Amino acid sequence: MATLLDVGLLHFFNPLFAFLLVFVLAYAILIKTQPFGEEKVAVYAWISVLLALLTLAVPGLVDFVGLAAPYFTVMAIVFFLFVFLFLAMGVKGGTLSDYIVGDKVILWGAFVAGVLLLIFIFSQVFGPAVAPDTDETVDQTELNKSIKDIIFHPTLMGVVFVLILMAFAVRLLTYAE
């Protein structure tokens, strides 16, 4: 059945989108930081092209970029909507940026959210290769299956998540300015 917004064929363009995204981000970071000097724009472009080509060469990395891009885009949109909301209520831009940059809780919260999102995406893309869930394998020993069941058990993953969260909480609460 034909629909007005059928984006199923866009899946075939994932390598192109991943190449362009990695190229643009790498080039923008290199231009902004200028690690080799101001006059090395062509070198920055070549480095960005090579990084984008490496993205295509590494198996699974195109899927990783294709899955990460929408999540980080949504995070950026939500962040900008909050900023626009505060600006619409009359808060000055300089005051808001000073508060966001100066408040360690906001910076650490954004960092933790990004790391958790990367862990989630990593587990979605590379999880089946690390811990295949097949009952038909003949060469898998009981020890390997038990280790996989222990490591990827939801209770253990929850405990690890809570411990990491508590570690960040202790770090933020004991941080002396």
N, C-alpha and C. Protein backbone atom coordinates (compact mmCIF):
# COMPACT_ATOMS: atom_id res chain seq x y z
N MET A 1 0.84 -1.17 0.00
CA MET A 1 0.00 0.00 0.00
C MET A 1 0.89 1.24 0.00
N ALA A 2 0.56 2.17 -0.83
CA ALA A 2 1.34 3.40 -0.94
C ALA A 2 0.90 4.37 0.16
N THR A 3 1.88 4.99 0.77
CA THR A 3 1.59 5.99 1.79
C THR A 3 2.20 7.31 1.37
N LEU A 4 1.75 8.35 2.02
CA LEU A 4 2.24 9.68 1.69
C LEU A 4 3.70 9.85 2.10
N LEU A 5 4.07 9.28 3.24
CA LEU A 5 5.43 9.42 3.76
C LEU A 5 6.03 8.04 3.97
N ASP A 6 6.49 7.43 2.89
CA ASP A 6 7.11 6.12 2.96
C ASP A 6 8.62 6.31 2.89
N VAL A 7 9.28 6.14 4.02
CA VAL A 7 10.73 6.37 4.09
C VAL A 7 11.50 5.06 4.13
N GLY A 8 10.88 3.98 3.75
CA GLY A 8 11.54 2.67 3.79
C GLY A 8 12.73 2.58 2.86
N LEU A 9 12.67 3.25 1.72
CA LEU A 9 13.78 3.20 0.77
C LEU A 9 14.97 4.04 1.21
N LEU A 10 14.77 4.93 2.17
CA LEU A 10 15.89 5.74 2.67
C LEU A 10 16.92 4.89 3.41
N HIS A 11 16.53 3.68 3.81
CA HIS A 11 17.47 2.79 4.50
C HIS A 11 18.68 2.47 3.61
N PHE A 12 18.47 2.45 2.30
CA PHE A 12 19.57 2.16 1.39
C PHE A 12 20.58 3.30 1.30
N PHE A 13 20.19 4.48 1.75
CA PHE A 13 21.09 5.64 1.72
C PHE A 13 21.83 5.82 3.05
N ASN A 14 21.70 4.90 3.98
CA ASN A 14 22.38 5.02 5.28
C ASN A 14 23.89 5.20 5.14
N PRO A 15 24.57 4.46 4.26
CA PRO A 15 26.01 4.71 4.13
C PRO A 15 26.33 6.13 3.67
N LEU A 16 25.53 6.66 2.76
CA LEU A 16 25.75 8.04 2.30
C LEU A 16 25.51 9.04 3.42
N PHE A 17 24.42 8.84 4.19
CA PHE A 17 24.13 9.74 5.30
C PHE A 17 25.22 9.66 6.37
N ALA A 18 25.69 8.45 6.66
CA ALA A 18 26.75 8.29 7.66
C ALA A 18 28.04 8.97 7.19
N PHE A 19 28.37 8.79 5.90
CA PHE A 19 29.56 9.44 5.35
C PHE A 19 29.46 10.95 5.49
N LEU A 20 28.32 11.51 5.08
CA LEU A 20 28.16 12.97 5.14
C LEU A 20 28.18 13.48 6.57
N LEU A 21 27.52 12.77 7.47
CA LEU A 21 27.48 13.22 8.87
C LEU A 21 28.87 13.22 9.49
N VAL A 22 29.62 12.14 9.30
CA VAL A 22 30.96 12.06 9.87
C VAL A 22 31.87 13.10 9.23
N PHE A 23 31.75 13.28 7.92
CA PHE A 23 32.58 14.27 7.23
C PHE A 23 32.30 15.68 7.76
N VAL A 24 31.03 16.05 7.85
CA VAL A 24 30.67 17.40 8.28
C VAL A 24 31.07 17.64 9.73
N LEU A 25 30.81 16.67 10.61
CA LEU A 25 31.17 16.85 12.02
C LEU A 25 32.69 16.92 12.20
N ALA A 26 33.43 16.03 11.54
CA ALA A 26 34.89 16.05 11.67
C ALA A 26 35.47 17.34 11.10
N TYR A 27 34.95 17.78 9.97
CA TYR A 27 35.45 19.02 9.37
C TYR A 27 35.15 20.22 10.24
N ALA A 28 33.94 20.25 10.81
CA ALA A 28 33.57 21.37 11.67
C ALA A 28 34.43 21.41 12.93
N ILE A 29 34.69 20.26 13.51
CA ILE A 29 35.53 20.22 14.72
C ILE A 29 36.95 20.63 14.39
N LEU A 30 37.48 20.15 13.26
CA LEU A 30 38.85 20.51 12.89
C LEU A 30 38.97 22.00 12.55
N ILE A 31 37.97 22.55 11.87
CA ILE A 31 38.01 23.98 11.55
C ILE A 31 37.90 24.81 12.82
N LYS A 32 37.07 24.37 13.75
CA LYS A 32 36.88 25.14 15.00
C LYS A 32 38.13 25.09 15.88
N THR A 33 38.73 23.90 16.02
CA THR A 33 39.88 23.78 16.92
C THR A 33 41.19 24.15 16.25
N GLN A 34 41.32 23.99 14.96
CA GLN A 34 42.50 24.28 14.17
C GLN A 34 43.78 23.72 14.81
N PRO A 35 43.87 22.38 14.91
CA PRO A 35 45.05 21.81 15.58
C PRO A 35 46.35 21.96 14.78
N PHE A 36 46.28 22.16 13.45
CA PHE A 36 47.48 22.28 12.64
C PHE A 36 47.72 23.69 12.13
N GLY A 37 46.94 24.65 12.58
CA GLY A 37 47.10 26.03 12.14
C GLY A 37 45.94 26.48 11.27
N GLU A 38 45.90 27.79 11.00
CA GLU A 38 44.77 28.36 10.27
C GLU A 38 44.82 28.09 8.78
N GLU A 39 45.99 27.93 8.21
CA GLU A 39 46.09 27.81 6.76
C GLU A 39 45.99 26.37 6.25
N LYS A 40 45.65 25.45 7.08
CA LYS A 40 45.62 24.03 6.71
C LYS A 40 44.19 23.55 6.45
N VAL A 41 43.39 24.32 5.75
CA VAL A 41 41.99 23.96 5.50
C VAL A 41 41.91 22.71 4.62
N ALA A 42 42.77 22.58 3.64
CA ALA A 42 42.75 21.41 2.77
C ALA A 42 43.12 20.14 3.56
N VAL A 43 44.04 20.27 4.48
CA VAL A 43 44.42 19.12 5.31
C VAL A 43 43.24 18.68 6.16
N TYR A 44 42.50 19.65 6.69
CA TYR A 44 41.31 19.32 7.50
C TYR A 44 40.26 18.61 6.65
N ALA A 45 40.11 19.04 5.41
CA ALA A 45 39.14 18.40 4.52
C ALA A 45 39.57 16.96 4.22
N TRP A 46 40.85 16.73 3.96
CA TRP A 46 41.32 15.37 3.68
C TRP A 46 41.20 14.47 4.91
N ILE A 47 41.51 14.99 6.07
CA ILE A 47 41.36 14.20 7.29
C ILE A 47 39.89 13.83 7.49
N SER A 48 39.00 14.77 7.23
CA SER A 48 37.57 14.50 7.38
C SER A 48 37.08 13.46 6.38
N VAL A 49 37.56 13.54 5.15
CA VAL A 49 37.19 12.54 4.14
C VAL A 49 37.69 11.16 4.55
N LEU A 50 38.92 11.09 5.03
CA LEU A 50 39.47 9.80 5.45
C LEU A 50 38.70 9.22 6.64
N LEU A 51 38.33 10.06 7.60
CA LEU A 51 37.52 9.57 8.72
C LEU A 51 36.16 9.08 8.25
N ALA A 52 35.56 9.78 7.29
CA ALA A 52 34.27 9.36 6.76
C ALA A 52 34.40 8.04 5.99
N LEU A 53 35.49 7.88 5.25
CA LEU A 53 35.71 6.61 4.53
C LEU A 53 35.97 5.47 5.51
N LEU A 54 36.68 5.74 6.60
CA LEU A 54 36.88 4.72 7.63
C LEU A 54 35.55 4.31 8.27
N THR A 55 34.64 5.27 8.37
CA THR A 55 33.31 4.94 8.90
C THR A 55 32.62 3.93 8.00
N LEU A 56 32.78 4.07 6.71
CA LEU A 56 32.17 3.12 5.78
C LEU A 56 32.88 1.77 5.81
N ALA A 57 34.17 1.77 6.12
CA ALA A 57 34.95 0.53 6.07
C ALA A 57 34.75 -0.35 7.30
N VAL A 58 34.44 0.24 8.43
CA VAL A 58 34.29 -0.54 9.67
C VAL A 58 32.89 -1.13 9.71
N PRO A 59 32.79 -2.46 9.85
CA PRO A 59 31.46 -3.07 9.87
C PRO A 59 30.67 -2.65 11.11
N GLY A 60 29.42 -2.32 10.90
CA GLY A 60 28.55 -1.93 11.99
C GLY A 60 28.57 -0.47 12.34
N LEU A 61 29.58 0.26 11.89
CA LEU A 61 29.69 1.67 12.25
C LEU A 61 28.65 2.52 11.53
N VAL A 62 28.28 2.12 10.31
CA VAL A 62 27.23 2.84 9.59
C VAL A 62 25.90 2.68 10.33
N ASP A 63 25.63 1.46 10.82
CA ASP A 63 24.42 1.25 11.60
C ASP A 63 24.47 2.03 12.91
N PHE A 64 25.64 2.10 13.53
CA PHE A 64 25.81 2.85 14.77
C PHE A 64 25.51 4.33 14.55
N VAL A 65 26.08 4.91 13.50
CA VAL A 65 25.84 6.33 13.19
C VAL A 65 24.37 6.54 12.81
N GLY A 66 23.81 5.60 12.04
CA GLY A 66 22.42 5.72 11.63
C GLY A 66 21.45 5.63 12.79
N LEU A 67 21.81 4.90 13.83
CA LEU A 67 20.95 4.79 15.00
C LEU A 67 21.20 5.93 15.99
N ALA A 68 22.44 6.42 16.06
CA ALA A 68 22.78 7.47 17.02
C ALA A 68 22.29 8.84 16.57
N ALA A 69 22.32 9.10 15.28
CA ALA A 69 21.98 10.44 14.78
C ALA A 69 20.57 10.89 15.18
N PRO A 70 19.54 10.06 15.02
CA PRO A 70 18.21 10.55 15.43
C PRO A 70 18.09 10.82 16.92
N TYR A 71 18.70 9.98 17.75
CA TYR A 71 18.60 10.19 19.20
C TYR A 71 19.29 11.48 19.63
N PHE A 72 20.48 11.72 19.11
CA PHE A 72 21.19 12.94 19.48
C PHE A 72 20.51 14.17 18.86
N THR A 73 19.88 14.01 17.71
CA THR A 73 19.13 15.11 17.12
C THR A 73 17.94 15.48 18.00
N VAL A 74 17.24 14.48 18.51
CA VAL A 74 16.11 14.74 19.40
C VAL A 74 16.60 15.40 20.69
N MET A 75 17.74 14.94 21.23
CA MET A 75 18.29 15.57 22.43
C MET A 75 18.63 17.03 22.16
N ALA A 76 19.21 17.33 21.00
CA ALA A 76 19.56 18.71 20.67
C ALA A 76 18.31 19.56 20.50
N ILE A 77 17.28 19.01 19.87
CA ILE A 77 16.03 19.76 19.69
C ILE A 77 15.39 20.07 21.04
N VAL A 78 15.36 19.09 21.94
CA VAL A 78 14.79 19.32 23.28
C VAL A 78 15.60 20.38 24.01
N PHE A 79 16.93 20.33 23.93
CA PHE A 79 17.77 21.34 24.56
C PHE A 79 17.46 22.73 24.02
N PHE A 80 17.39 22.86 22.69
CA PHE A 80 17.11 24.17 22.10
C PHE A 80 15.70 24.66 22.44
N LEU A 81 14.74 23.74 22.55
CA LEU A 81 13.40 24.15 22.94
C LEU A 81 13.38 24.70 24.37
N PHE A 82 14.15 24.07 25.27
CA PHE A 82 14.26 24.60 26.63
C PHE A 82 14.92 25.98 26.62
N VAL A 83 15.96 26.14 25.84
CA VAL A 83 16.64 27.44 25.75
C VAL A 83 15.68 28.48 25.19
N PHE A 84 14.95 28.15 24.12
CA PHE A 84 14.00 29.09 23.55
C PHE A 84 12.88 29.42 24.52
N LEU A 85 12.47 28.44 25.32
CA LEU A 85 11.44 28.68 26.32
C LEU A 85 11.91 29.71 27.35
N PHE A 86 13.13 29.56 27.84
CA PHE A 86 13.66 30.52 28.80
C PHE A 86 13.87 31.90 28.15
N LEU A 87 14.31 31.91 26.89
CA LEU A 87 14.48 33.19 26.21
C LEU A 87 13.14 33.87 25.98
N ALA A 88 12.10 33.09 25.72
CA ALA A 88 10.76 33.67 25.52
C ALA A 88 10.20 34.23 26.83
N MET A 89 10.65 33.69 27.96
CA MET A 89 10.17 34.19 29.25
C MET A 89 10.95 35.41 29.72
N GLY A 90 11.95 35.84 28.94
CA GLY A 90 12.64 37.08 29.27
C GLY A 90 14.02 36.93 29.85
N VAL A 91 14.52 35.73 29.96
CA VAL A 91 15.88 35.54 30.47
C VAL A 91 16.87 35.95 29.39
N LYS A 92 17.87 36.70 29.76
CA LYS A 92 18.87 37.16 28.80
C LYS A 92 19.75 35.98 28.36
N GLY A 93 20.17 36.03 27.10
CA GLY A 93 20.97 34.95 26.54
C GLY A 93 22.29 34.74 27.25
N GLY A 94 22.96 35.85 27.61
CA GLY A 94 24.24 35.74 28.31
C GLY A 94 24.08 35.13 29.69
N THR A 95 23.02 35.50 30.39
CA THR A 95 22.76 34.94 31.71
C THR A 95 22.49 33.45 31.63
N LEU A 96 21.71 33.06 30.61
CA LEU A 96 21.37 31.64 30.44
C LEU A 96 22.61 30.82 30.07
N SER A 97 23.43 31.34 29.17
CA SER A 97 24.63 30.59 28.78
C SER A 97 25.63 30.51 29.93
N ASP A 98 25.76 31.56 30.71
CA ASP A 98 26.65 31.52 31.88
C ASP A 98 26.16 30.50 32.89
N TYR A 99 24.85 30.42 33.07
CA TYR A 99 24.30 29.47 34.03
C TYR A 99 24.50 28.03 33.54
N ILE A 100 24.26 27.79 32.26
CA ILE A 100 24.40 26.43 31.72
C ILE A 100 25.85 25.98 31.78
N VAL A 101 26.76 26.85 31.40
CA VAL A 101 28.18 26.49 31.40
C VAL A 101 28.72 26.43 32.83
N GLY A 102 28.24 27.30 33.71
CA GLY A 102 28.76 27.35 35.07
C GLY A 102 28.21 26.29 35.99
N ASP A 103 27.03 25.75 35.71
CA ASP A 103 26.42 24.77 36.59
C ASP A 103 26.93 23.38 36.22
N LYS A 104 27.64 22.75 37.13
CA LYS A 104 28.22 21.44 36.87
C LYS A 104 27.16 20.34 36.78
N VAL A 105 26.04 20.52 37.45
CA VAL A 105 24.99 19.50 37.41
C VAL A 105 24.42 19.39 36.00
N ILE A 106 24.23 20.51 35.34
CA ILE A 106 23.70 20.47 33.97
C ILE A 106 24.71 19.83 33.03
N LEU A 107 25.97 20.21 33.16
CA LEU A 107 26.99 19.64 32.28
C LEU A 107 27.16 18.14 32.52
N TRP A 108 27.21 17.73 33.79
CA TRP A 108 27.35 16.31 34.09
C TRP A 108 26.10 15.54 33.69
N GLY A 109 24.94 16.15 33.85
CA GLY A 109 23.70 15.49 33.43
C GLY A 109 23.66 15.25 31.94
N ALA A 110 24.09 16.25 31.16
CA ALA A 110 24.14 16.08 29.71
C ALA A 110 25.19 15.03 29.33
N PHE A 111 26.32 15.04 30.02
CA PHE A 111 27.36 14.05 29.74
C PHE A 111 26.88 12.64 30.05
N VAL A 112 26.24 12.46 31.20
CA VAL A 112 25.73 11.13 31.59
C VAL A 112 24.65 10.68 30.62
N ALA A 113 23.77 11.59 30.22
CA ALA A 113 22.72 11.23 29.26
C ALA A 113 23.34 10.80 27.92
N GLY A 114 24.36 11.51 27.47
CA GLY A 114 25.03 11.14 26.23
C GLY A 114 25.74 9.80 26.33
N VAL A 115 26.41 9.54 27.45
CA VAL A 115 27.10 8.26 27.62
C VAL A 115 26.10 7.12 27.70
N LEU A 116 25.01 7.31 28.43
CA LEU A 116 23.99 6.26 28.51
C LEU A 116 23.36 6.01 27.16
N LEU A 117 23.15 7.06 26.39
CA LEU A 117 22.61 6.89 25.05
C LEU A 117 23.60 6.14 24.15
N LEU A 118 24.88 6.45 24.27
CA LEU A 118 25.89 5.72 23.50
C LEU A 118 25.95 4.25 23.89
N ILE A 119 25.84 3.96 25.19
CA ILE A 119 25.84 2.56 25.64
C ILE A 119 24.62 1.83 25.09
N PHE A 120 23.46 2.49 25.12
CA PHE A 120 22.26 1.88 24.57
C PHE A 120 22.41 1.59 23.08
N ILE A 121 22.93 2.56 22.33
CA ILE A 121 23.09 2.37 20.88
C ILE A 121 24.13 1.31 20.60
N PHE A 122 25.21 1.30 21.38
CA PHE A 122 26.24 0.27 21.22
C PHE A 122 25.65 -1.12 21.45
N SER A 123 24.81 -1.24 22.47
CA SER A 123 24.21 -2.55 22.75
C SER A 123 23.21 -2.96 21.67
N GLN A 124 22.55 -1.98 21.04
CA GLN A 124 21.61 -2.31 19.98
C GLN A 124 22.32 -2.75 18.71
N VAL A 125 23.44 -2.10 18.39
CA VAL A 125 24.13 -2.41 17.14
C VAL A 125 25.05 -3.62 17.30
N PHE A 126 25.86 -3.62 18.36
CA PHE A 126 26.86 -4.68 18.51
C PHE A 126 26.47 -5.75 19.53
N GLY A 127 25.34 -5.58 20.19
CA GLY A 127 24.90 -6.55 21.19
C GLY A 127 24.69 -7.96 20.65
N PRO A 128 23.99 -8.12 19.51
CA PRO A 128 23.81 -9.48 18.99
C PRO A 128 25.12 -10.17 18.62
N ALA A 129 26.13 -9.41 18.24
CA ALA A 129 27.42 -10.04 17.92
C ALA A 129 28.16 -10.43 19.19
N VAL A 130 27.99 -9.64 20.27
CA VAL A 130 28.67 -9.94 21.52
C VAL A 130 27.98 -11.08 22.26
N ALA A 131 26.68 -11.04 22.31
CA ALA A 131 25.92 -12.06 23.04
C ALA A 131 24.80 -12.58 22.14
N PRO A 132 25.12 -13.46 21.21
CA PRO A 132 24.07 -13.96 20.33
C PRO A 132 23.04 -14.77 21.12
N ASP A 133 21.80 -14.58 20.77
CA ASP A 133 20.72 -15.25 21.47
C ASP A 133 20.16 -16.36 20.59
N THR A 134 20.97 -17.37 20.37
CA THR A 134 20.53 -18.49 19.55
C THR A 134 20.57 -19.75 20.38
N ASP A 135 19.54 -20.54 20.26
CA ASP A 135 19.48 -21.81 20.97
C ASP A 135 19.98 -22.96 20.11
N GLU A 136 20.27 -22.69 18.83
CA GLU A 136 20.65 -23.74 17.91
C GLU A 136 22.14 -23.97 17.80
N THR A 137 22.95 -23.15 18.47
CA THR A 137 24.39 -23.29 18.35
C THR A 137 24.85 -24.58 19.04
N VAL A 138 25.67 -25.31 18.34
CA VAL A 138 26.18 -26.56 18.86
C VAL A 138 27.50 -26.35 19.59
N ASP A 139 28.32 -25.41 19.13
CA ASP A 139 29.66 -25.23 19.67
C ASP A 139 29.68 -24.35 20.92
N GLN A 140 28.57 -23.81 21.34
CA GLN A 140 28.57 -22.95 22.54
C GLN A 140 28.50 -23.84 23.78
N THR A 141 29.47 -23.66 24.66
CA THR A 141 29.51 -24.48 25.86
C THR A 141 28.58 -23.91 26.92
N GLU A 142 28.32 -24.70 27.92
CA GLU A 142 27.44 -24.27 29.00
C GLU A 142 28.07 -23.13 29.81
N LEU A 143 29.40 -23.15 29.94
CA LEU A 143 30.07 -22.07 30.67
C LEU A 143 29.88 -20.73 29.97
N ASN A 144 30.07 -20.69 28.65
CA ASN A 144 29.88 -19.44 27.91
C ASN A 144 28.44 -18.96 28.01
N LYS A 145 27.49 -19.88 27.94
CA LYS A 145 26.09 -19.51 28.04
C LYS A 145 25.78 -18.96 29.44
N SER A 146 26.36 -19.57 30.46
CA SER A 146 26.13 -19.09 31.83
C SER A 146 26.73 -17.72 32.04
N ILE A 147 27.92 -17.49 31.51
CA ILE A 147 28.55 -16.18 31.64
C ILE A 147 27.72 -15.12 30.93
N LYS A 148 27.25 -15.44 29.73
CA LYS A 148 26.40 -14.50 28.99
C LYS A 148 25.12 -14.20 29.76
N ASP A 149 24.52 -15.23 30.33
CA ASP A 149 23.28 -15.03 31.09
C ASP A 149 23.52 -14.18 32.33
N ILE A 150 24.67 -14.34 32.97
CA ILE A 150 24.96 -13.56 34.17
C ILE A 150 25.25 -12.11 33.81
N ILE A 151 26.09 -11.89 32.81
CA ILE A 151 26.50 -10.52 32.47
C ILE A 151 25.33 -9.71 31.94
N PHE A 152 24.50 -10.31 31.10
CA PHE A 152 23.41 -9.57 30.47
C PHE A 152 22.08 -9.77 31.17
N HIS A 153 22.08 -10.19 32.43
CA HIS A 153 20.84 -10.34 33.18
C HIS A 153 20.31 -8.95 33.54
N PRO A 154 19.00 -8.74 33.39
CA PRO A 154 18.45 -7.40 33.65
C PRO A 154 18.70 -6.90 35.08
N THR A 155 18.71 -7.79 36.05
CA THR A 155 18.95 -7.36 37.43
C THR A 155 20.37 -6.83 37.58
N LEU A 156 21.35 -7.53 37.03
CA LEU A 156 22.73 -7.07 37.12
C LEU A 156 22.93 -5.77 36.36
N MET A 157 22.32 -5.65 35.20
CA MET A 157 22.44 -4.41 34.44
C MET A 157 21.80 -3.25 35.21
N GLY A 158 20.70 -3.50 35.89
CA GLY A 158 20.07 -2.48 36.71
C GLY A 158 20.95 -2.06 37.87
N VAL A 159 21.59 -3.04 38.52
CA VAL A 159 22.48 -2.73 39.64
C VAL A 159 23.67 -1.90 39.16
N VAL A 160 24.24 -2.27 38.02
CA VAL A 160 25.37 -1.51 37.47
C VAL A 160 24.93 -0.09 37.15
N PHE A 161 23.75 0.07 36.58
CA PHE A 161 23.24 1.40 36.27
C PHE A 161 23.06 2.23 37.54
N VAL A 162 22.49 1.64 38.58
CA VAL A 162 22.27 2.36 39.83
C VAL A 162 23.61 2.72 40.47
N LEU A 163 24.59 1.82 40.42
CA LEU A 163 25.91 2.12 40.99
C LEU A 163 26.59 3.27 40.24
N ILE A 164 26.48 3.27 38.93
CA ILE A 164 27.07 4.36 38.15
C ILE A 164 26.36 5.67 38.48
N LEU A 165 25.04 5.62 38.58
CA LEU A 165 24.27 6.81 38.92
C LEU A 165 24.65 7.32 40.31
N MET A 166 24.83 6.42 41.26
CA MET A 166 25.22 6.82 42.62
C MET A 166 26.63 7.40 42.63
N ALA A 167 27.52 6.85 41.83
CA ALA A 167 28.88 7.38 41.77
C ALA A 167 28.87 8.81 41.25
N PHE A 168 28.07 9.09 40.22
CA PHE A 168 27.97 10.45 39.73
C PHE A 168 27.32 11.36 40.75
N ALA A 169 26.34 10.86 41.48
CA ALA A 169 25.69 11.67 42.50
C ALA A 169 26.68 12.03 43.61
N VAL A 170 27.47 11.06 44.06
CA VAL A 170 28.47 11.34 45.09
C VAL A 170 29.49 12.33 44.57
N ARG A 171 29.91 12.17 43.34
CA ARG A 171 30.89 13.09 42.75
C ARG A 171 30.33 14.51 42.70
N LEU A 172 29.08 14.64 42.29
CA LEU A 172 28.49 15.98 42.17
C LEU A 172 28.22 16.59 43.53
N LEU A 173 27.85 15.77 44.52
CA LEU A 173 27.55 16.32 45.84
C LEU A 173 28.80 16.71 46.61
N THR A 174 29.90 16.02 46.35
CA THR A 174 31.13 16.31 47.10
C THR A 174 32.06 17.24 46.33
N TYR A 175 31.64 17.73 45.18
CA TYR A 175 32.50 18.60 44.39
C TYR A 175 32.60 19.96 45.07
N ALA A 176 33.81 20.37 45.35
CA ALA A 176 34.04 21.66 46.00
C ALA A 176 34.41 22.69 44.93
N GLU A 177 33.75 23.83 44.98
CA GLU A 177 34.04 24.86 43.98
C GLU A 177 35.08 25.82 44.48
